[in-house]
N, C-alpha and C. Protein backbone atom coordinates (compact mmCIF):
# COMPACT_ATOMS: atom_id res chain seq x y z
N MET A 1 -9.11 -2.95 8.03
CA MET A 1 -8.93 -4.37 7.53
C MET A 1 -7.29 -4.57 7.23
N LYS A 2 -6.60 -3.55 6.75
CA LYS A 2 -5.34 -3.71 6.30
C LYS A 2 -4.51 -4.03 7.60
N ASN A 3 -4.85 -3.62 8.55
CA ASN A 3 -3.99 -3.69 9.97
C ASN A 3 -4.23 -5.29 10.45
N LEU A 4 -5.14 -6.03 9.79
CA LEU A 4 -5.19 -7.31 10.29
C LEU A 4 -4.27 -8.29 9.51
N TYR A 5 -3.52 -7.70 8.50
CA TYR A 5 -2.31 -8.47 7.90
C TYR A 5 -1.21 -8.78 8.92
N GLY A 6 -1.32 -7.81 9.98
CA GLY A 6 -0.27 -7.94 11.07
C GLY A 6 -0.71 -9.27 11.95
N CYS A 7 -1.61 -9.81 11.86
CA CYS A 7 -2.24 -11.14 12.47
C CYS A 7 -1.34 -12.35 11.95
N LEU A 8 -0.78 -12.15 10.76
CA LEU A 8 0.08 -13.25 10.12
C LEU A 8 1.30 -13.20 10.89
N PRO A 9 1.89 -14.30 11.34
CA PRO A 9 3.13 -14.44 12.10
C PRO A 9 4.31 -14.24 11.26
N GLY A 10 5.51 -13.61 11.91
CA GLY A 10 6.63 -13.71 11.41
C GLY A 10 6.96 -13.33 9.97
N THR A 11 7.74 -14.26 9.48
CA THR A 11 8.21 -14.04 7.91
C THR A 11 7.16 -14.53 6.97
N ILE A 12 6.00 -14.89 7.30
CA ILE A 12 4.86 -15.24 6.51
C ILE A 12 4.33 -13.94 5.77
N LYS A 13 4.36 -12.77 6.36
CA LYS A 13 3.88 -11.63 5.85
C LYS A 13 4.79 -11.26 4.49
N PRO A 14 6.11 -11.18 4.73
CA PRO A 14 6.77 -10.92 3.33
C PRO A 14 6.77 -12.04 2.35
N GLU A 15 6.56 -13.24 2.86
CA GLU A 15 6.47 -14.33 2.11
C GLU A 15 5.33 -14.20 1.01
N TYR A 16 4.16 -13.92 1.73
CA TYR A 16 2.85 -13.73 0.87
C TYR A 16 3.09 -12.54 -0.06
N HIS A 17 3.69 -11.63 0.22
CA HIS A 17 4.14 -10.50 -0.71
C HIS A 17 4.69 -11.06 -1.88
N LEU A 18 5.66 -11.96 -1.73
CA LEU A 18 6.36 -12.79 -2.85
C LEU A 18 5.38 -13.51 -3.77
N ARG A 19 4.50 -14.31 -3.07
CA ARG A 19 3.65 -15.06 -3.69
C ARG A 19 2.40 -14.41 -4.28
N MET A 20 2.14 -13.23 -3.89
CA MET A 20 1.08 -12.49 -4.53
C MET A 20 1.42 -11.13 -4.81
N PRO A 21 2.23 -10.90 -5.97
CA PRO A 21 2.65 -9.58 -6.19
C PRO A 21 1.84 -8.59 -6.85
N ASP A 22 0.66 -9.00 -7.38
CA ASP A 22 -0.27 -7.99 -7.85
C ASP A 22 -1.37 -7.79 -6.77
N ILE A 23 -2.04 -6.60 -7.01
CA ILE A 23 -2.89 -6.07 -5.94
C ILE A 23 -4.28 -6.74 -5.85
N GLU A 24 -4.61 -7.46 -6.90
CA GLU A 24 -5.87 -8.12 -6.76
C GLU A 24 -5.62 -9.42 -5.74
N LYS A 25 -4.64 -10.05 -6.11
CA LYS A 25 -4.38 -11.24 -5.16
C LYS A 25 -4.07 -10.90 -3.76
N LEU A 26 -3.29 -9.76 -3.63
CA LEU A 26 -3.08 -9.48 -2.09
C LEU A 26 -4.39 -8.89 -1.48
N SER A 27 -5.03 -8.24 -2.14
CA SER A 27 -6.39 -7.68 -1.73
C SER A 27 -7.29 -8.90 -1.33
N ARG A 28 -7.36 -10.04 -2.09
CA ARG A 28 -8.12 -11.02 -1.75
C ARG A 28 -7.60 -11.75 -0.44
N LEU A 29 -6.31 -11.71 -0.28
CA LEU A 29 -5.68 -12.14 0.95
C LEU A 29 -6.20 -11.50 2.17
N LEU A 30 -6.25 -10.06 2.01
CA LEU A 30 -6.55 -9.12 3.06
C LEU A 30 -8.14 -9.64 3.64
N LEU A 31 -9.08 -9.90 2.51
CA LEU A 31 -10.27 -10.40 3.01
C LEU A 31 -10.48 -11.69 3.60
N ASP A 32 -9.57 -12.58 3.10
CA ASP A 32 -9.43 -13.88 3.60
C ASP A 32 -8.85 -13.87 5.27
N VAL A 33 -7.88 -13.02 5.42
CA VAL A 33 -7.32 -12.73 6.81
C VAL A 33 -8.54 -12.17 7.70
N HIS A 34 -9.22 -11.17 7.23
CA HIS A 34 -10.39 -10.76 7.91
C HIS A 34 -11.35 -11.78 8.21
N ASP A 35 -11.84 -12.64 7.27
CA ASP A 35 -12.83 -13.45 7.40
C ASP A 35 -12.20 -14.60 8.35
N ALA A 36 -11.01 -14.89 8.34
CA ALA A 36 -10.50 -15.89 9.33
C ALA A 36 -10.31 -15.36 10.70
N VAL A 37 -9.96 -14.18 10.83
CA VAL A 37 -9.78 -13.70 12.43
C VAL A 37 -11.14 -13.30 12.81
N LYS A 38 -12.09 -12.99 12.07
CA LYS A 38 -13.33 -12.59 12.63
C LYS A 38 -13.32 -11.51 13.68
N PRO A 39 -12.75 -10.22 13.46
CA PRO A 39 -12.72 -9.24 14.56
C PRO A 39 -13.98 -8.82 15.13
N ARG A 40 -14.02 -8.68 16.40
CA ARG A 40 -15.62 -8.40 17.00
C ARG A 40 -15.65 -6.84 17.11
N LEU A 41 -14.50 -6.10 17.03
CA LEU A 41 -14.64 -4.78 17.00
C LEU A 41 -13.50 -4.25 16.22
N GLY A 42 -13.84 -2.96 15.54
CA GLY A 42 -12.75 -2.27 14.85
C GLY A 42 -12.80 -0.86 15.42
N ILE A 43 -11.68 -0.27 15.46
CA ILE A 43 -11.51 1.15 15.89
C ILE A 43 -10.48 1.89 14.94
N ILE A 44 -10.97 3.01 14.49
CA ILE A 44 -10.26 3.90 13.52
C ILE A 44 -9.94 5.31 14.26
N ASP A 45 -8.66 5.36 14.52
CA ASP A 45 -8.10 6.63 15.13
C ASP A 45 -7.92 7.64 13.85
N GLY A 46 -9.03 8.47 13.69
CA GLY A 46 -8.99 9.42 12.60
C GLY A 46 -8.70 10.83 13.01
N VAL A 47 -8.02 10.95 14.25
CA VAL A 47 -7.69 12.19 14.77
C VAL A 47 -6.77 13.03 13.72
N VAL A 48 -5.73 12.42 13.58
CA VAL A 48 -4.63 12.81 12.53
C VAL A 48 -4.13 11.59 11.57
N GLY A 49 -4.48 11.92 10.29
CA GLY A 49 -4.15 10.94 9.26
C GLY A 49 -2.91 11.47 8.43
N MET A 50 -2.67 10.63 7.32
CA MET A 50 -1.52 10.91 6.50
C MET A 50 -2.12 11.02 5.07
N GLU A 51 -1.71 12.09 4.43
CA GLU A 51 -2.19 12.20 3.06
C GLU A 51 -0.99 12.04 2.13
N GLY A 52 -1.18 11.24 1.14
CA GLY A 52 -0.17 10.85 0.16
C GLY A 52 0.32 9.46 0.32
N GLU A 53 1.45 9.17 -0.15
CA GLU A 53 2.07 7.68 -0.02
C GLU A 53 2.77 7.50 1.20
N GLY A 54 2.09 6.47 2.01
CA GLY A 54 2.70 6.26 3.25
C GLY A 54 3.57 4.96 3.00
N PRO A 55 4.15 4.42 4.13
CA PRO A 55 3.45 4.64 5.45
C PRO A 55 4.43 5.77 6.26
N SER A 56 5.44 6.19 5.71
CA SER A 56 6.14 7.21 6.53
C SER A 56 6.48 8.62 5.65
N SER A 57 6.10 8.48 4.32
CA SER A 57 6.67 9.66 3.40
C SER A 57 5.41 10.69 3.18
N GLY A 58 4.28 10.42 3.62
CA GLY A 58 3.17 11.34 3.44
C GLY A 58 3.12 12.46 4.43
N GLN A 59 2.20 13.35 4.35
CA GLN A 59 2.01 14.54 5.01
C GLN A 59 1.02 14.28 6.08
N LEU A 60 1.30 14.77 7.29
CA LEU A 60 0.25 14.59 8.37
C LEU A 60 -0.93 15.60 8.22
N LYS A 61 -2.17 15.10 8.31
CA LYS A 61 -3.33 16.05 8.07
C LYS A 61 -4.36 15.74 9.34
N PHE A 62 -4.82 16.76 9.75
CA PHE A 62 -5.99 16.76 10.94
C PHE A 62 -7.24 16.35 10.28
N ALA A 63 -7.94 15.16 10.91
CA ALA A 63 -9.23 14.91 10.43
C ALA A 63 -10.27 14.92 11.56
N GLY A 64 -9.77 14.64 12.81
CA GLY A 64 -10.53 15.12 13.96
C GLY A 64 -11.59 14.23 14.28
N PHE A 65 -11.58 12.88 14.15
CA PHE A 65 -12.60 11.88 14.54
C PHE A 65 -12.16 10.55 15.02
N LEU A 66 -12.85 9.88 15.76
CA LEU A 66 -12.74 8.47 16.21
C LEU A 66 -13.93 7.68 15.55
N ALA A 67 -13.76 6.41 15.33
CA ALA A 67 -14.92 5.66 14.76
C ALA A 67 -14.74 4.31 15.21
N VAL A 68 -15.74 3.58 15.64
CA VAL A 68 -15.85 2.30 16.23
C VAL A 68 -17.05 1.42 15.57
N SER A 69 -16.73 0.20 15.20
CA SER A 69 -17.86 -0.49 14.58
C SER A 69 -17.49 -1.98 14.72
N THR A 70 -18.57 -2.92 14.78
CA THR A 70 -18.36 -4.23 14.73
C THR A 70 -18.14 -4.88 13.37
N ASP A 71 -18.41 -3.97 12.38
CA ASP A 71 -18.26 -4.40 11.10
C ASP A 71 -16.99 -3.63 10.44
N CYS A 72 -15.86 -4.28 10.29
CA CYS A 72 -14.60 -3.59 9.85
C CYS A 72 -14.59 -3.11 8.48
N PRO A 73 -15.12 -4.09 7.46
CA PRO A 73 -15.28 -3.41 6.25
C PRO A 73 -16.14 -2.12 6.16
N ALA A 74 -17.31 -2.18 6.63
CA ALA A 74 -18.24 -1.17 6.62
C ALA A 74 -17.56 0.12 7.25
N LEU A 75 -16.80 -0.06 8.34
CA LEU A 75 -16.04 1.09 9.17
C LEU A 75 -15.02 1.65 8.11
N ASP A 76 -14.14 0.85 7.46
CA ASP A 76 -13.30 1.39 6.54
C ASP A 76 -13.96 2.21 5.40
N ILE A 77 -15.20 1.73 4.84
CA ILE A 77 -15.77 2.31 3.90
C ILE A 77 -16.29 3.75 4.21
N GLU A 78 -16.92 3.81 5.49
CA GLU A 78 -17.41 5.10 5.80
C GLU A 78 -16.35 6.05 6.26
N ALA A 79 -15.18 5.47 6.86
CA ALA A 79 -14.09 6.24 7.22
C ALA A 79 -13.54 7.05 5.87
N MET A 80 -13.40 6.27 4.74
CA MET A 80 -12.91 6.79 3.49
C MET A 80 -13.73 7.91 2.91
N LYS A 81 -15.00 7.58 3.13
CA LYS A 81 -16.01 8.69 2.71
C LYS A 81 -15.94 9.98 3.61
N ALA A 82 -15.69 9.84 4.81
CA ALA A 82 -15.49 11.03 5.66
C ALA A 82 -14.33 11.71 5.35
N VAL A 83 -13.40 11.27 4.77
CA VAL A 83 -12.19 12.01 4.22
C VAL A 83 -12.25 12.23 2.74
N SER A 84 -13.31 12.12 2.08
CA SER A 84 -13.53 12.47 0.64
C SER A 84 -12.82 11.57 -0.19
N LEU A 85 -12.78 10.34 0.18
CA LEU A 85 -12.07 9.30 -0.71
C LEU A 85 -13.07 8.28 -1.13
N ASP A 86 -13.13 7.78 -2.36
CA ASP A 86 -13.90 6.84 -2.84
C ASP A 86 -13.51 5.52 -2.43
N PRO A 87 -14.33 4.87 -1.64
CA PRO A 87 -13.96 3.37 -1.26
C PRO A 87 -13.48 2.33 -2.37
N ASN A 88 -14.13 2.69 -3.60
CA ASN A 88 -13.88 1.70 -4.54
C ASN A 88 -12.37 1.80 -5.07
N GLN A 89 -11.69 2.78 -4.48
CA GLN A 89 -10.28 2.96 -4.93
C GLN A 89 -9.44 1.86 -3.96
N ALA A 90 -10.10 1.36 -3.06
CA ALA A 90 -9.45 0.27 -2.20
C ALA A 90 -10.07 -0.99 -2.75
N VAL A 91 -9.05 -1.85 -3.42
CA VAL A 91 -9.47 -2.94 -4.12
C VAL A 91 -10.04 -4.03 -3.16
N HIS A 92 -9.61 -4.07 -1.92
CA HIS A 92 -10.12 -5.14 -1.06
C HIS A 92 -11.58 -4.73 -0.49
N LEU A 93 -11.90 -3.59 -0.74
CA LEU A 93 -13.34 -3.11 -0.36
C LEU A 93 -14.37 -3.13 -1.43
N GLN A 94 -13.98 -3.27 -2.82
CA GLN A 94 -14.73 -3.38 -3.80
C GLN A 94 -15.73 -4.49 -3.57
N GLU A 95 -15.22 -5.63 -3.30
CA GLU A 95 -16.07 -6.88 -3.12
C GLU A 95 -17.14 -6.72 -2.12
N ARG A 96 -16.65 -6.05 -0.99
CA ARG A 96 -17.65 -5.93 0.06
C ARG A 96 -18.66 -4.93 -0.13
N LEU A 97 -18.31 -3.86 -1.01
CA LEU A 97 -19.30 -2.93 -1.51
C LEU A 97 -20.42 -3.58 -2.44
N ALA A 98 -19.96 -4.64 -3.07
CA ALA A 98 -20.92 -5.17 -3.99
C ALA A 98 -21.79 -6.29 -3.26
N GLN A 99 -21.51 -6.34 -1.97
CA GLN A 99 -22.39 -7.52 -1.31
C GLN A 99 -23.33 -6.66 -0.47
N SER A 100 -24.45 -7.50 -0.03
CA SER A 100 -25.38 -6.83 0.84
C SER A 100 -25.00 -7.26 2.41
N GLY A 101 -25.80 -6.70 3.23
CA GLY A 101 -25.46 -6.98 4.73
C GLY A 101 -24.47 -6.24 5.41
N LEU A 102 -23.90 -5.28 4.70
CA LEU A 102 -22.90 -4.30 5.51
C LEU A 102 -23.64 -3.50 6.58
N GLU A 103 -23.07 -3.32 7.69
CA GLU A 103 -23.58 -2.53 8.88
C GLU A 103 -23.59 -1.08 8.38
N THR A 104 -24.66 -0.55 8.77
CA THR A 104 -24.92 1.04 8.55
C THR A 104 -24.10 1.82 9.66
N ILE A 105 -23.24 2.47 9.08
CA ILE A 105 -22.38 3.28 10.02
C ILE A 105 -22.67 4.66 10.01
N ARG A 106 -22.79 5.28 11.12
CA ARG A 106 -23.21 6.73 11.21
C ARG A 106 -22.19 7.38 12.07
N LEU A 107 -21.23 8.27 11.42
CA LEU A 107 -20.16 8.83 12.11
C LEU A 107 -20.54 10.08 12.84
N GLY A 108 -21.70 10.44 12.70
CA GLY A 108 -22.09 11.66 13.41
C GLY A 108 -21.72 12.86 12.70
N THR A 109 -21.79 13.97 13.30
CA THR A 109 -21.44 15.23 12.59
C THR A 109 -19.86 15.56 12.73
N ILE A 110 -19.06 15.46 11.64
CA ILE A 110 -17.70 15.89 11.87
C ILE A 110 -17.47 16.83 10.60
N ASP A 111 -16.49 17.71 10.87
CA ASP A 111 -16.07 18.76 9.96
C ASP A 111 -15.52 18.09 8.64
N ARG A 112 -15.98 18.50 7.55
CA ARG A 112 -15.60 17.99 6.20
C ARG A 112 -14.02 18.14 6.00
N VAL A 113 -13.35 16.98 5.68
CA VAL A 113 -11.97 17.22 5.47
C VAL A 113 -11.64 16.49 4.18
N VAL A 114 -10.78 16.97 3.33
CA VAL A 114 -10.49 16.40 2.00
C VAL A 114 -8.91 15.78 2.10
N PHE A 115 -8.85 14.48 1.84
CA PHE A 115 -7.66 13.94 1.54
C PHE A 115 -7.48 13.59 0.14
N GLU A 116 -6.34 14.13 -0.35
CA GLU A 116 -6.03 13.65 -1.87
C GLU A 116 -5.55 12.28 -1.85
N PRO A 117 -5.90 11.34 -2.61
CA PRO A 117 -5.34 9.97 -2.82
C PRO A 117 -3.96 10.08 -3.50
N PRO A 118 -3.22 9.10 -3.26
CA PRO A 118 -1.85 9.04 -3.67
C PRO A 118 -1.65 8.68 -5.13
N GLY A 119 -2.12 9.49 -5.97
CA GLY A 119 -2.17 9.33 -7.34
C GLY A 119 -2.75 8.22 -7.99
N ARG A 120 -2.62 7.78 -9.28
CA ARG A 120 -3.19 6.58 -9.75
C ARG A 120 -2.50 5.37 -9.17
N MET A 121 -3.32 4.43 -8.69
CA MET A 121 -2.79 3.22 -8.00
C MET A 121 -2.61 2.00 -8.76
N PHE A 122 -2.50 2.29 -10.20
CA PHE A 122 -2.45 1.39 -11.13
C PHE A 122 -1.45 1.91 -12.22
N SER A 123 -0.70 0.95 -13.01
CA SER A 123 0.22 1.37 -13.82
C SER A 123 -0.41 1.35 -15.33
N VAL A 124 0.39 1.82 -16.30
CA VAL A 124 0.01 1.81 -17.71
C VAL A 124 -0.17 0.21 -18.02
N ALA A 125 0.70 -0.65 -17.70
CA ALA A 125 0.78 -2.06 -17.87
C ALA A 125 -0.55 -2.70 -17.42
N ASP A 126 -1.05 -2.21 -16.19
CA ASP A 126 -2.18 -2.84 -15.65
C ASP A 126 -3.51 -2.42 -16.32
N THR A 127 -3.44 -1.39 -17.06
CA THR A 127 -4.62 -0.80 -17.93
C THR A 127 -4.78 -0.98 -19.19
N ILE A 128 -3.60 -1.08 -19.91
CA ILE A 128 -3.56 -1.19 -21.37
C ILE A 128 -3.05 -2.50 -21.64
N PRO A 129 -3.92 -3.43 -22.44
CA PRO A 129 -3.51 -4.78 -22.74
C PRO A 129 -2.18 -4.86 -23.66
N PHE A 130 -1.10 -4.43 -23.16
CA PHE A 130 0.19 -4.62 -24.11
C PHE A 130 0.58 -6.07 -24.11
N PRO A 131 1.43 -6.45 -25.22
CA PRO A 131 1.89 -7.92 -25.25
C PRO A 131 2.86 -8.06 -24.03
N ALA A 132 3.18 -9.15 -23.60
CA ALA A 132 3.96 -9.37 -22.32
C ALA A 132 5.29 -8.71 -22.49
N PRO A 133 5.99 -8.76 -23.50
CA PRO A 133 7.35 -8.04 -23.70
C PRO A 133 7.33 -6.59 -23.49
N VAL A 134 6.23 -6.13 -23.94
CA VAL A 134 5.97 -4.54 -23.83
C VAL A 134 5.64 -4.22 -22.40
N ARG A 135 4.82 -5.16 -21.74
CA ARG A 135 4.29 -4.69 -20.48
C ARG A 135 5.33 -4.83 -19.47
N LYS A 136 6.46 -5.62 -19.61
CA LYS A 136 7.56 -5.76 -19.05
C LYS A 136 8.36 -4.42 -18.97
N VAL A 137 8.51 -3.85 -20.08
CA VAL A 137 9.21 -2.72 -20.26
C VAL A 137 8.45 -1.57 -19.75
N MET A 138 7.13 -1.45 -19.89
CA MET A 138 6.28 -0.30 -19.38
C MET A 138 6.24 -0.44 -17.86
N LYS A 139 6.14 -1.58 -17.19
CA LYS A 139 6.29 -1.64 -15.78
C LYS A 139 7.59 -1.05 -15.41
N ARG A 140 8.66 -1.20 -16.01
CA ARG A 140 9.98 -0.72 -15.64
C ARG A 140 9.81 0.84 -15.53
N LEU A 141 9.15 1.36 -16.54
CA LEU A 141 9.16 2.85 -16.75
C LEU A 141 8.09 3.51 -15.92
N THR A 142 7.16 2.72 -15.33
CA THR A 142 6.02 3.33 -14.72
C THR A 142 5.80 3.00 -13.19
N VAL A 143 6.73 2.19 -12.74
CA VAL A 143 6.61 1.70 -11.20
C VAL A 143 7.71 2.09 -10.42
N ALA A 144 7.35 2.66 -9.28
CA ALA A 144 8.40 3.26 -8.32
C ALA A 144 9.27 2.06 -7.94
N MET A 145 10.61 2.53 -7.75
CA MET A 145 11.50 1.61 -7.12
C MET A 145 12.22 2.28 -6.09
N PRO A 146 12.64 1.36 -5.02
CA PRO A 146 13.34 2.05 -3.79
C PRO A 146 14.81 2.58 -4.07
N VAL A 147 14.94 3.69 -3.53
CA VAL A 147 16.28 4.31 -3.69
C VAL A 147 16.94 4.39 -2.26
N PHE A 148 18.29 3.82 -2.17
CA PHE A 148 18.80 3.70 -0.89
C PHE A 148 19.90 4.86 -0.66
N SER A 149 19.69 5.64 0.56
CA SER A 149 20.77 6.41 0.88
C SER A 149 21.98 5.79 1.34
N CYS A 150 23.09 6.58 1.13
CA CYS A 150 24.36 6.08 1.74
C CYS A 150 24.76 6.44 3.19
N PRO A 151 25.53 5.75 3.67
CA PRO A 151 25.92 6.11 5.02
C PRO A 151 26.41 7.69 5.06
N PRO A 152 26.10 8.39 6.27
CA PRO A 152 25.76 7.82 7.41
C PRO A 152 24.04 7.84 7.52
N VAL A 153 23.40 8.28 6.50
CA VAL A 153 21.98 8.34 6.72
C VAL A 153 21.65 6.87 6.86
N CYS A 154 21.94 6.03 5.86
CA CYS A 154 21.79 4.47 6.12
C CYS A 154 22.81 4.00 7.08
N ARG A 155 22.39 3.37 8.23
CA ARG A 155 23.21 3.09 9.25
C ARG A 155 23.67 1.36 9.04
N LEU A 156 23.25 0.93 8.03
CA LEU A 156 23.59 -0.60 7.59
C LEU A 156 23.20 -1.54 8.72
N CYS A 157 21.81 -1.18 9.18
CA CYS A 157 21.36 -2.05 10.17
C CYS A 157 20.95 -3.53 9.56
N GLY A 158 20.76 -3.51 8.28
CA GLY A 158 20.28 -4.76 7.75
C GLY A 158 19.01 -5.10 7.83
N ASN A 159 18.02 -4.20 8.28
CA ASN A 159 16.55 -4.60 8.39
C ASN A 159 15.99 -4.82 6.96
N CYS A 160 16.52 -4.00 6.07
CA CYS A 160 15.93 -4.10 4.65
C CYS A 160 16.23 -5.49 4.06
N VAL A 161 17.55 -5.88 4.37
CA VAL A 161 17.91 -7.24 3.81
C VAL A 161 17.21 -8.31 4.33
N LYS A 162 16.85 -8.23 5.69
CA LYS A 162 16.24 -9.26 6.33
C LYS A 162 14.76 -9.36 5.90
N ILE A 163 14.22 -8.27 5.69
CA ILE A 163 12.73 -8.32 5.50
C ILE A 163 12.39 -8.54 3.89
N CYS A 164 13.40 -8.41 3.13
CA CYS A 164 13.12 -8.64 1.63
C CYS A 164 12.58 -10.06 1.28
N PRO A 165 11.42 -10.17 0.74
CA PRO A 165 10.98 -11.61 0.50
C PRO A 165 11.28 -12.18 -0.69
N ALA A 166 12.13 -11.44 -1.68
CA ALA A 166 12.45 -11.91 -2.96
C ALA A 166 13.43 -13.13 -2.83
N ARG A 167 13.35 -13.88 -3.70
CA ARG A 167 14.22 -15.03 -3.78
C ARG A 167 14.78 -15.18 -5.23
N PRO A 168 16.12 -14.96 -5.50
CA PRO A 168 17.20 -14.42 -4.44
C PRO A 168 16.69 -13.12 -4.02
N LYS A 169 17.21 -12.57 -2.94
CA LYS A 169 17.03 -11.24 -2.25
C LYS A 169 17.55 -10.14 -3.14
N ALA A 170 16.73 -9.08 -3.36
CA ALA A 170 17.14 -8.00 -4.10
C ALA A 170 17.98 -7.07 -3.39
N LEU A 171 18.49 -7.36 -2.21
CA LEU A 171 19.33 -6.50 -1.29
C LEU A 171 20.56 -7.22 -0.73
N GLU A 172 21.56 -6.59 -0.66
CA GLU A 172 22.69 -7.25 0.14
C GLU A 172 23.53 -6.05 0.69
N ILE A 173 24.32 -6.33 1.72
CA ILE A 173 25.27 -5.39 2.21
C ILE A 173 26.54 -5.90 1.74
N ARG A 174 27.31 -4.74 0.89
CA ARG A 174 28.50 -5.10 0.42
C ARG A 174 29.37 -3.87 0.35
N ASP A 175 30.65 -3.95 0.79
CA ASP A 175 31.55 -2.78 0.64
C ASP A 175 30.88 -1.56 1.51
N ASN A 176 30.38 -1.94 2.59
CA ASN A 176 29.76 -0.88 3.46
C ASN A 176 28.77 -0.08 2.82
N ARG A 177 27.84 -0.69 1.99
CA ARG A 177 26.66 -0.02 1.34
C ARG A 177 25.75 -1.07 0.95
N ILE A 178 24.48 -0.60 0.82
CA ILE A 178 23.38 -1.49 0.22
C ILE A 178 23.43 -1.66 -1.24
N VAL A 179 23.60 -2.79 -1.70
CA VAL A 179 23.53 -3.06 -3.01
C VAL A 179 22.23 -3.59 -3.52
N PHE A 180 21.65 -3.00 -4.40
CA PHE A 180 20.27 -3.40 -4.87
C PHE A 180 20.15 -3.95 -6.32
N SER A 181 19.35 -5.07 -6.35
CA SER A 181 19.21 -5.64 -7.64
C SER A 181 17.79 -5.46 -8.04
N ARG A 182 17.70 -4.70 -9.20
CA ARG A 182 16.37 -4.22 -9.61
C ARG A 182 15.61 -5.39 -10.29
N SER A 183 16.43 -6.35 -10.85
CA SER A 183 15.76 -7.36 -11.57
C SER A 183 15.19 -8.34 -10.53
N CYS A 184 15.61 -8.40 -9.30
CA CYS A 184 15.13 -9.19 -8.27
C CYS A 184 14.06 -8.67 -7.40
N CYS A 185 13.77 -7.35 -7.56
CA CYS A 185 12.81 -6.58 -6.71
C CYS A 185 11.40 -7.08 -7.21
N ILE A 186 10.58 -7.25 -6.43
CA ILE A 186 9.15 -7.61 -6.64
C ILE A 186 8.20 -6.36 -6.31
N GLN A 187 8.63 -5.17 -6.03
CA GLN A 187 8.02 -3.98 -5.67
C GLN A 187 6.91 -4.14 -4.53
N CYS A 188 7.27 -4.72 -3.53
CA CYS A 188 6.42 -5.02 -2.32
C CYS A 188 6.76 -3.72 -1.38
N TYR A 189 7.88 -3.15 -1.44
CA TYR A 189 8.29 -1.88 -0.72
C TYR A 189 8.37 -2.19 0.67
N CYS A 190 8.53 -3.49 1.10
CA CYS A 190 8.60 -3.91 2.53
C CYS A 190 10.02 -3.16 3.17
N CYS A 191 10.94 -2.96 2.33
CA CYS A 191 12.17 -2.36 2.83
C CYS A 191 11.93 -0.86 3.12
N HIS A 192 11.17 -0.23 2.40
CA HIS A 192 10.89 1.28 2.58
C HIS A 192 10.12 1.37 3.70
N GLU A 193 9.01 0.44 4.04
CA GLU A 193 8.12 0.56 5.07
C GLU A 193 8.80 0.31 6.34
N MET A 194 9.86 -0.59 6.39
CA MET A 194 10.42 -1.04 7.59
C MET A 194 11.72 -0.39 7.97
N CYS A 195 12.20 0.56 7.13
CA CYS A 195 13.49 1.06 7.47
C CYS A 195 13.32 2.11 8.75
N PRO A 196 14.12 1.90 9.85
CA PRO A 196 13.90 2.71 10.92
C PRO A 196 14.47 3.99 10.97
N HIS A 197 15.32 4.28 9.85
CA HIS A 197 16.16 5.42 9.73
C HIS A 197 15.72 6.26 8.62
N LYS A 198 14.57 6.01 7.87
CA LYS A 198 13.99 6.73 6.76
C LYS A 198 15.29 7.01 5.70
N ALA A 199 16.00 5.83 5.45
CA ALA A 199 17.06 6.01 4.47
C ALA A 199 16.60 5.41 3.14
N ILE A 200 15.49 5.18 3.13
CA ILE A 200 14.94 4.43 1.75
C ILE A 200 13.78 5.38 1.33
N SER A 201 14.00 5.86 0.07
CA SER A 201 12.94 6.46 -0.63
C SER A 201 12.30 5.80 -1.85
N LEU A 202 11.43 6.29 -2.51
CA LEU A 202 10.84 5.69 -3.69
C LEU A 202 10.96 6.50 -4.87
N SER A 203 11.52 5.99 -5.94
CA SER A 203 11.73 6.82 -7.17
C SER A 203 10.42 7.06 -7.88
N ARG A 204 10.57 8.24 -8.46
CA ARG A 204 9.31 8.59 -9.32
C ARG A 204 9.56 8.73 -10.85
N PRO A 205 9.64 7.73 -11.51
CA PRO A 205 9.89 7.89 -12.85
C PRO A 205 9.02 8.87 -13.61
N MET A 206 9.67 9.59 -14.50
CA MET A 206 8.94 10.64 -15.20
C MET A 206 7.58 10.06 -15.99
N LEU A 207 7.79 9.08 -16.63
CA LEU A 207 6.47 8.32 -17.28
C LEU A 207 5.28 7.99 -16.19
N MET A 208 5.94 7.48 -15.03
CA MET A 208 4.89 7.21 -14.10
C MET A 208 4.06 8.47 -13.46
N ARG A 209 4.89 9.59 -13.23
CA ARG A 209 4.48 10.87 -12.73
C ARG A 209 3.28 11.34 -13.90
N PHE A 210 3.61 11.14 -15.14
CA PHE A 210 2.63 11.78 -16.17
C PHE A 210 1.38 10.76 -16.11
N TRP A 211 1.65 9.49 -16.09
CA TRP A 211 0.38 8.62 -16.15
C TRP A 211 -0.40 8.76 -14.97
N ARG A 212 0.04 9.02 -13.71
CA ARG A 212 -0.76 9.18 -12.56
C ARG A 212 -1.50 10.57 -12.59
N ASN A 213 -1.06 11.53 -13.24
CA ASN A 213 -1.80 12.82 -13.24
C ASN A 213 -2.76 12.80 -14.37
N LEU A 214 -3.02 11.71 -15.31
CA LEU A 214 -4.05 11.69 -16.30
C LEU A 214 -5.38 11.39 -15.62
N LYS A 215 -6.34 12.33 -16.02
CA LYS A 215 -7.60 12.21 -15.38
C LYS A 215 -8.50 11.17 -16.34
N ILE A 216 -8.29 9.97 -16.33
CA ILE A 216 -9.01 8.93 -17.12
C ILE A 216 -9.43 7.87 -16.26
N PRO A 217 -10.45 7.19 -16.49
CA PRO A 217 -11.03 6.02 -15.67
C PRO A 217 -10.04 4.76 -15.75
N HIS A 218 -10.02 4.02 -14.77
CA HIS A 218 -9.49 2.67 -15.02
C HIS A 218 -10.44 1.58 -15.28
N PHE A 219 -10.26 0.70 -16.23
CA PHE A 219 -11.15 -0.32 -16.73
C PHE A 219 -10.34 -1.70 -16.44
N SER A 220 -10.97 -2.48 -15.49
CA SER A 220 -10.18 -3.75 -15.25
C SER A 220 -10.88 -4.88 -16.09
């Protein structure tokens, strides 16, 4: 279902990242796009997957299956189960799981494979009802931010500046380097995803690493 986001044309994709910065709203948009496109067939290439935080910084891992269905949400759900992941971790699938009428998917006999999810997908600020000023500080301490390599790793192609949906933009090229404004960043990570030279990484604040390793449930 996530791939259907690519059906949105041109700069509308990063624009919606700006308009829907929280995961619940963006997940609702994924469902709306799916329901508008009405795909007749979904195919998942599960031969080799990626474990960890994508789209380019994870580790390749063999899963060894292909899956096809006319029901894309059901296909996503069963594919997650096949690699030992809980579909409820994907916010856009929670609503579909609560509904009736999902197609019954049978993937056949495949070797069991375990993919570890990329840590806790929500922050302290999303989980504990802090006052607004405290939430802002906690988000700064627990949310990953892009980190930009210097030339020659960064080739100053400008892709990150073009794709940044923030207004004003969080990036600019100045004095032969990328200048980043953290206060303007909306944490969509489009720059990290679209960099063709892998010159952008994501920071891992210490408090964020500690929080993600806690084994406690998330209550929304």
